[in-house]
C-alpha atoms as a PDB file:
ATOM      1  CA  MET A   1      54.437  85.518 166.496  1.00  0.00           C
ATOM      2  CA  GLN A   2      52.565  82.327 167.396  1.00  0.00           C
ATOM      3  CA  PRO A   3      54.507  79.269 168.639  1.00  0.00           C
ATOM      4  CA  GLN A   4      53.447  77.248 165.591  1.00  0.00           C
ATOM      5  CA  ASP A   5      55.114  79.917 163.422  1.00  0.00           C
ATOM      6  CA  CYS A   6      58.438  79.210 165.132  1.00  0.00           C
ATOM      7  CA  GLU A   7      58.878  75.721 163.720  1.00  0.00           C
ATOM      8  CA  LEU A   8      62.041  75.073 161.730  1.00  0.00           C
ATOM      9  CA  ARG A   9      61.317  75.852 158.110  1.00  0.00           C
ATOM     10  CA  THR A  10      63.201  76.906 155.017  1.00  0.00           C
ATOM     11  CA  VAL A  11      62.893  80.507 153.907  1.00  0.00           C
ATOM     12  CA  ASP A  12      64.581  81.528 150.667  1.00  0.00           C
ATOM     13  CA  ASP A  13      65.005  85.188 151.657  1.00  0.00           C
ATOM     14  CA  LYS A  14      67.917  85.456 154.118  1.00  0.00           C
ATOM     15  CA  SER A  15      66.747  88.757 155.635  1.00  0.00           C
ATOM     16  CA  LEU A  16      63.246  87.342 156.189  1.00  0.00           C
ATOM     17  CA  ALA A  17      64.743  84.247 157.791  1.00  0.00           C
ATOM     18  CA  LEU A  18      66.831  86.306 160.215  1.00  0.00           C
ATOM     19  CA  GLU A  19      63.916  88.624 161.018  1.00  0.00           C
ATOM     20  CA  ASN A  20      61.620  85.679 161.740  1.00  0.00           C
ATOM     21  CA  TRP A  21      64.311  83.987 163.811  1.00  0.00           C
ATOM     22  CA  ARG A  22      64.883  87.071 165.958  1.00  0.00           C
ATOM     23  CA  SER A  23      61.160  87.543 166.535  1.00  0.00           C
ATOM     24  CA  CYS A  24      60.613  83.898 167.465  1.00  0.00           C
ATOM     25  CA  GLN A  25      63.419  83.651 170.016  1.00  0.00           C
ATOM     26  CA  SER A  26      62.949  79.887 170.026  1.00  0.00           C
ATOM     27  CA  LYS A  27      63.586  77.528 167.143  1.00  0.00           C
ATOM     28  CA  PRO A  28      65.320  79.429 164.360  1.00  0.00           C
ATOM     29  CA  VAL A  29      64.135  79.853 160.854  1.00  0.00           C
ATOM     30  CA  TYR A  30      66.984  79.214 158.488  1.00  0.00           C
ATOM     31  CA  SER A  31      67.479  79.921 154.856  1.00  0.00           C
ATOM     32  CA  SER A  32      68.584  77.360 152.311  1.00  0.00           C
ATOM     33  CA  ARG A  33      70.910  80.114 151.083  1.00  0.00           C
ATOM     34  CA  MET A  34      72.684  80.598 154.400  1.00  0.00           C
ATOM     35  CA  GLY A  35      76.362  79.770 154.360  1.00  0.00           C
ATOM     36  CA  ILE A  36      78.089  77.077 156.354  1.00  0.00           C
ATOM     37  CA  LEU A  37      79.501  79.578 158.849  1.00  0.00           C
ATOM     38  CA  GLU A  38      76.051  81.018 159.614  1.00  0.00           C
ATOM     39  CA  LEU A  39      74.571  77.547 160.050  1.00  0.00           C
ATOM     40  CA  SER A  40      77.584  76.485 162.086  1.00  0.00           C
ATOM     41  CA  GLN A  41      77.171  79.407 164.483  1.00  0.00           C
ATOM     42  CA  GLN A  42      73.513  78.507 165.018  1.00  0.00           C
ATOM     43  CA  ILE A  43      74.403  74.854 165.611  1.00  0.00           C
ATOM     44  CA  ARG A  44      77.200  75.738 168.020  1.00  0.00           C
ATOM     45  CA  THR A  45      74.943  77.977 170.118  1.00  0.00           C
ATOM     46  CA  GLY A  46      72.151  75.399 170.139  1.00  0.00           C
ATOM     47  CA  ALA A  47      69.791  77.639 168.167  1.00  0.00           C
ATOM     48  CA  LEU A  48      69.717  75.072 165.343  1.00  0.00           C
ATOM     49  CA  SER A  49      69.752  71.311 165.732  1.00  0.00           C
ATOM     50  CA  PRO A  50      71.963  69.232 163.424  1.00  0.00           C
ATOM     51  CA  VAL A  51      69.195  66.610 163.476  1.00  0.00           C
ATOM     52  CA  GLU A  52      66.550  69.088 162.318  1.00  0.00           C
ATOM     53  CA  LEU A  53      68.858  70.540 159.673  1.00  0.00           C
ATOM     54  CA  THR A  54      69.797  67.078 158.396  1.00  0.00           C
ATOM     55  CA  SER A  55      66.158  65.974 158.361  1.00  0.00           C
ATOM     56  CA  ASP A  56      65.205  69.058 156.385  1.00  0.00           C
ATOM     57  CA  CYS A  57      68.029  68.483 153.892  1.00  0.00           C
ATOM     58  CA  LEU A  58      66.980  64.855 153.440  1.00  0.00           C
ATOM     59  CA  ALA A  59      63.372  65.943 152.871  1.00  0.00           C
ATOM     60  CA  ARG A  60      64.535  68.426 150.229  1.00  0.00           C
ATOM     61  CA  ILE A  61      66.617  65.718 148.538  1.00  0.00           C
ATOM     62  CA  GLU A  62      63.636  63.358 148.529  1.00  0.00           C
ATOM     63  CA  LYS A  63      61.457  66.070 146.998  1.00  0.00           C
ATOM     64  CA  LEU A  64      63.914  67.495 144.432  1.00  0.00           C
ATOM     65  CA  ASN A  65      66.216  64.635 143.456  1.00  0.00           C
ATOM     66  CA  PRO A  66      63.709  62.930 141.134  1.00  0.00           C
ATOM     67  CA  THR A  67      63.849  66.100 139.002  1.00  0.00           C
ATOM     68  CA  LEU A  68      67.420  67.304 139.573  1.00  0.00           C
ATOM     69  CA  ASN A  69      69.133  63.909 139.704  1.00  0.00           C
ATOM     70  CA  ALA A  70      71.810  65.475 141.898  1.00  0.00           C
ATOM     71  CA  PHE A  71      72.399  62.424 144.104  1.00  0.00           C
ATOM     72  CA  ILE A  72      73.349  58.918 142.995  1.00  0.00           C
ATOM     73  CA  THR A  73      73.225  57.561 146.550  1.00  0.00           C
ATOM     74  CA  VAL A  74      71.426  59.068 149.557  1.00  0.00           C
ATOM     75  CA  THR A  75      72.671  57.896 152.966  1.00  0.00           C
ATOM     76  CA  ALA A  76      69.686  58.861 155.129  1.00  0.00           C
ATOM     77  CA  GLU A  77      70.048  55.738 157.299  1.00  0.00           C
ATOM     78  CA  ALA A  78      73.551  56.842 158.322  1.00  0.00           C
ATOM     79  CA  ALA A  79      73.072  60.631 158.198  1.00  0.00           C
ATOM     80  CA  LEU A  80      70.499  60.871 160.982  1.00  0.00           C
ATOM     81  CA  PRO A  81      72.587  58.890 163.514  1.00  0.00           C
ATOM     82  CA  GLN A  82      75.607  61.036 162.563  1.00  0.00           C
ATOM     83  CA  ALA A  83      73.531  64.184 163.166  1.00  0.00           C
ATOM     84  CA  ARG A  84      72.298  62.856 166.541  1.00  0.00           C
ATOM     85  CA  GLU A  85      75.894  62.097 167.559  1.00  0.00           C
ATOM     86  CA  ALA A  86      77.028  65.585 166.501  1.00  0.00           C
ATOM     87  CA  GLU A  87      74.194  67.156 168.500  1.00  0.00           C
ATOM     88  CA  ARG A  88      75.089  65.092 171.583  1.00  0.00           C
ATOM     89  CA  GLU A  89      78.774  66.030 171.317  1.00  0.00           C
ATOM     90  CA  ILE A  90      78.047  69.725 170.848  1.00  0.00           C
ATOM     91  CA  ARG A  91      75.646  69.789 173.818  1.00  0.00           C
ATOM     92  CA  GLN A  92      78.390  68.189 175.920  1.00  0.00           C
ATOM     93  CA  GLY A  93      80.826  70.924 174.898  1.00  0.00           C
ATOM     94  CA  ASN A  94      82.850  68.811 172.473  1.00  0.00           C
ATOM     95  CA  TRP A  95      82.834  71.263 169.551  1.00  0.00           C
ATOM     96  CA  ARG A  96      85.003  69.998 166.673  1.00  0.00           C
ATOM     97  CA  GLY A  97      84.818  73.133 164.534  1.00  0.00           C
ATOM     98  CA  PRO A  98      82.697  74.827 161.870  1.00  0.00           C
ATOM     99  CA  LEU A  99      81.760  71.620 160.004  1.00  0.00           C
ATOM    100  CA  HIS A 100      80.486  69.874 163.137  1.00  0.00           C
ATOM    101  CA  GLY A 101      76.860  68.892 162.488  1.00  0.00           C
ATOM    102  CA  ILE A 102      76.806  70.377 158.962  1.00  0.00           C
ATOM    103  CA  PRO A 103      75.153  68.133 156.341  1.00  0.00           C
ATOM    104  CA  ILE A 104      77.233  67.645 153.179  1.00  0.00           C
ATOM    105  CA  GLY A 105      77.238  65.659 149.967  1.00  0.00           C
ATOM    106  CA  LEU A 106      80.360  64.195 148.385  1.00  0.00           C
ATOM    107  CA  LYS A 107      81.032  63.792 144.678  1.00  0.00           C
ATOM    108  CA  ASP A 108      80.556  60.115 143.801  1.00  0.00           C
ATOM    109  CA  LEU A 109      84.201  60.045 142.795  1.00  0.00           C
ATOM    110  CA  ILE A 110      85.404  60.190 146.417  1.00  0.00           C
ATOM    111  CA  ASP A 111      85.799  56.885 148.265  1.00  0.00           C
ATOM    112  CA  THR A 112      83.542  56.302 151.248  1.00  0.00           C
ATOM    113  CA  ALA A 113      84.043  53.037 153.130  1.00  0.00           C
ATOM    114  CA  GLY A 114      80.996  50.816 152.886  1.00  0.00           C
ATOM    115  CA  ILE A 115      79.117  53.228 150.602  1.00  0.00           C
ATOM    116  CA  ARG A 116      78.917  52.683 146.874  1.00  0.00           C
ATOM    117  CA  THR A 117      81.306  54.905 144.893  1.00  0.00           C
ATOM    118  CA  THR A 118      80.627  54.673 141.158  1.00  0.00           C
ATOM    119  CA  ALA A 119      82.249  57.706 139.483  1.00  0.00           C
ATOM    120  CA  ALA A 120      78.896  57.817 137.600  1.00  0.00           C
ATOM    121  CA  SER A 121      80.021  54.877 135.470  1.00  0.00           C
ATOM    122  CA  ALA A 122      78.407  51.541 134.626  1.00  0.00           C
ATOM    123  CA  LEU A 123      81.871  50.003 134.991  1.00  0.00           C
ATOM    124  CA  MET A 124      81.875  50.846 138.705  1.00  0.00           C
ATOM    125  CA  LYS A 125      78.139  50.652 139.507  1.00  0.00           C
ATOM    126  CA  ASP A 126      78.647  47.979 142.177  1.00  0.00           C
ATOM    127  CA  ARG A 127      81.950  49.244 143.616  1.00  0.00           C
ATOM    128  CA  VAL A 128      81.970  49.644 147.397  1.00  0.00           C
ATOM    129  CA  PRO A 129      85.334  50.825 148.757  1.00  0.00           C
ATOM    130  CA  PHE A 130      86.692  49.261 151.941  1.00  0.00           C
ATOM    131  CA  ARG A 131      88.291  52.490 153.177  1.00  0.00           C
ATOM    132  CA  ASP A 132      87.649  56.227 153.094  1.00  0.00           C
ATOM    133  CA  ALA A 133      89.553  58.708 150.973  1.00  0.00           C
ATOM    134  CA  GLN A 134      91.617  61.156 153.020  1.00  0.00           C
ATOM    135  CA  ILE A 135      89.112  63.980 152.443  1.00  0.00           C
ATOM    136  CA  THR A 136      86.303  61.718 153.666  1.00  0.00           C
ATOM    137  CA  ARG A 137      88.287  60.868 156.816  1.00  0.00           C
ATOM    138  CA  ARG A 138      89.006  64.535 157.467  1.00  0.00           C
ATOM    139  CA  LEU A 139      85.362  65.531 156.999  1.00  0.00           C
ATOM    140  CA  LYS A 140      84.267  62.774 159.391  1.00  0.00           C
ATOM    141  CA  GLU A 141      86.871  63.911 161.945  1.00  0.00           C
ATOM    142  CA  ALA A 142      85.457  67.439 161.613  1.00  0.00           C
ATOM    143  CA  GLY A 143      81.980  66.101 162.443  1.00  0.00           C
ATOM    144  CA  ALA A 144      80.343  66.683 159.042  1.00  0.00           C
ATOM    145  CA  VAL A 145      77.160  64.693 158.349  1.00  0.00           C
ATOM    146  CA  LEU A 146      77.210  62.787 155.028  1.00  0.00           C
ATOM    147  CA  LEU A 147      73.881  63.039 153.187  1.00  0.00           C
ATOM    148  CA  GLY A 148      75.028  61.048 150.177  1.00  0.00           C
ATOM    149  CA  LYS A 149      77.006  60.938 146.947  1.00  0.00           C
ATOM    150  CA  HIS A 150      76.529  63.509 144.161  1.00  0.00           C
ATOM    151  CA  ASN A 151      76.014  62.651 140.523  1.00  0.00           C
ATOM    152  CA  LEU A 152      78.650  63.938 138.093  1.00  0.00           C
ATOM    153  CA  HIS A 153      80.014  63.656 134.570  1.00  0.00           C
ATOM    154  CA  GLU A 154      81.326  60.095 134.220  1.00  0.00           C
ATOM    155  CA  PHE A 155      84.747  59.835 135.892  1.00  0.00           C
ATOM    156  CA  ALA A 156      84.613  63.670 136.221  1.00  0.00           C
ATOM    157  CA  TYR A 157      85.955  63.655 132.683  1.00  0.00           C
ATOM    158  CA  GLY A 158      83.902  66.415 131.123  1.00  0.00           C
ATOM    159  CA  GLY A 159      82.262  69.712 131.805  1.00  0.00           C
ATOM    160  CA  SER A 160      78.558  69.114 131.300  1.00  0.00           C
ATOM    161  CA  SER A 161      77.358  66.496 133.820  1.00  0.00           C
ATOM    162  CA  ILE A 162      75.236  65.125 130.975  1.00  0.00           C
ATOM    163  CA  VAL A 163      77.339  61.991 130.513  1.00  0.00           C
ATOM    164  CA  SER A 164      76.503  59.854 133.560  1.00  0.00           C
ATOM    165  CA  TYR A 165      75.357  56.255 133.820  1.00  0.00           C
ATOM    166  CA  TYR A 166      72.719  57.565 136.237  1.00  0.00           C
ATOM    167  CA  GLY A 167      71.382  60.272 133.917  1.00  0.00           C
ATOM    168  CA  GLU A 168      72.137  63.933 133.476  1.00  0.00           C
ATOM    169  CA  VAL A 169      72.137  66.365 136.368  1.00  0.00           C
ATOM    170  CA  ARG A 170      69.678  69.264 136.113  1.00  0.00           C
ATOM    171  CA  ASN A 171      70.460  72.832 137.134  1.00  0.00           C
ATOM    172  CA  PRO A 172      68.403  73.710 140.244  1.00  0.00           C
ATOM    173  CA  TRP A 173      67.988  77.347 139.169  1.00  0.00           C
ATOM    174  CA  ASN A 174      66.768  76.515 135.663  1.00  0.00           C
ATOM    175  CA  ARG A 175      66.050  72.877 134.885  1.00  0.00           C
ATOM    176  CA  ASP A 176      66.372  73.506 131.162  1.00  0.00           C
ATOM    177  CA  PHE A 177      70.098  74.164 131.710  1.00  0.00           C
ATOM    178  CA  ILE A 178      72.942  71.828 132.619  1.00  0.00           C
ATOM    179  CA  THR A 179      74.805  72.190 135.896  1.00  0.00           C
ATOM    180  CA  GLY A 180      77.927  73.390 134.113  1.00  0.00           C
ATOM    181  CA  GLY A 181      80.189  70.525 135.075  1.00  0.00           C
ATOM    182  CA  SER A 182      81.227  68.817 138.239  1.00  0.00           C
ATOM    183  CA  SER A 183      83.124  71.710 139.807  1.00  0.00           C
ATOM    184  CA  ARG A 184      80.851  74.678 139.303  1.00  0.00           C
END
């Protein structure tokens, strides 16, 4: 395999991703379908950079969100520094656990200090909480990297994700279908 083939890239087939990664023996190839534990193991061992993973996730959001409408707010300006800090801590041996360096999105119903939290409602479109919800605090303590806030059915009061001030959310597997609600 040529060095240029060892660049970080998304591969949808998990077995192909692992095969390519083993043959490269440098930067891993990861699959967008890999679970958090698999990604976490690669981050912990230094085989995968939280910065590269976060950058790739942000690029995918930029590419797909205009069609899927999955994010109300993207926090790229904060996510990359968080990923750099996670990488620095992990390299120094300060491993916080399996969420350390993992990019995540939060439902826009969960308070995030200094980041707009709208519950997908026009009534709350300018609401910026002054403190984090407990789950947000715990995720930050675990070293998770916040990519942004997910769109949802207004106030999470419905099962379709069609009723949102920010527009309906599209199913990534079939854009003609709904997402099936905020918790599916």
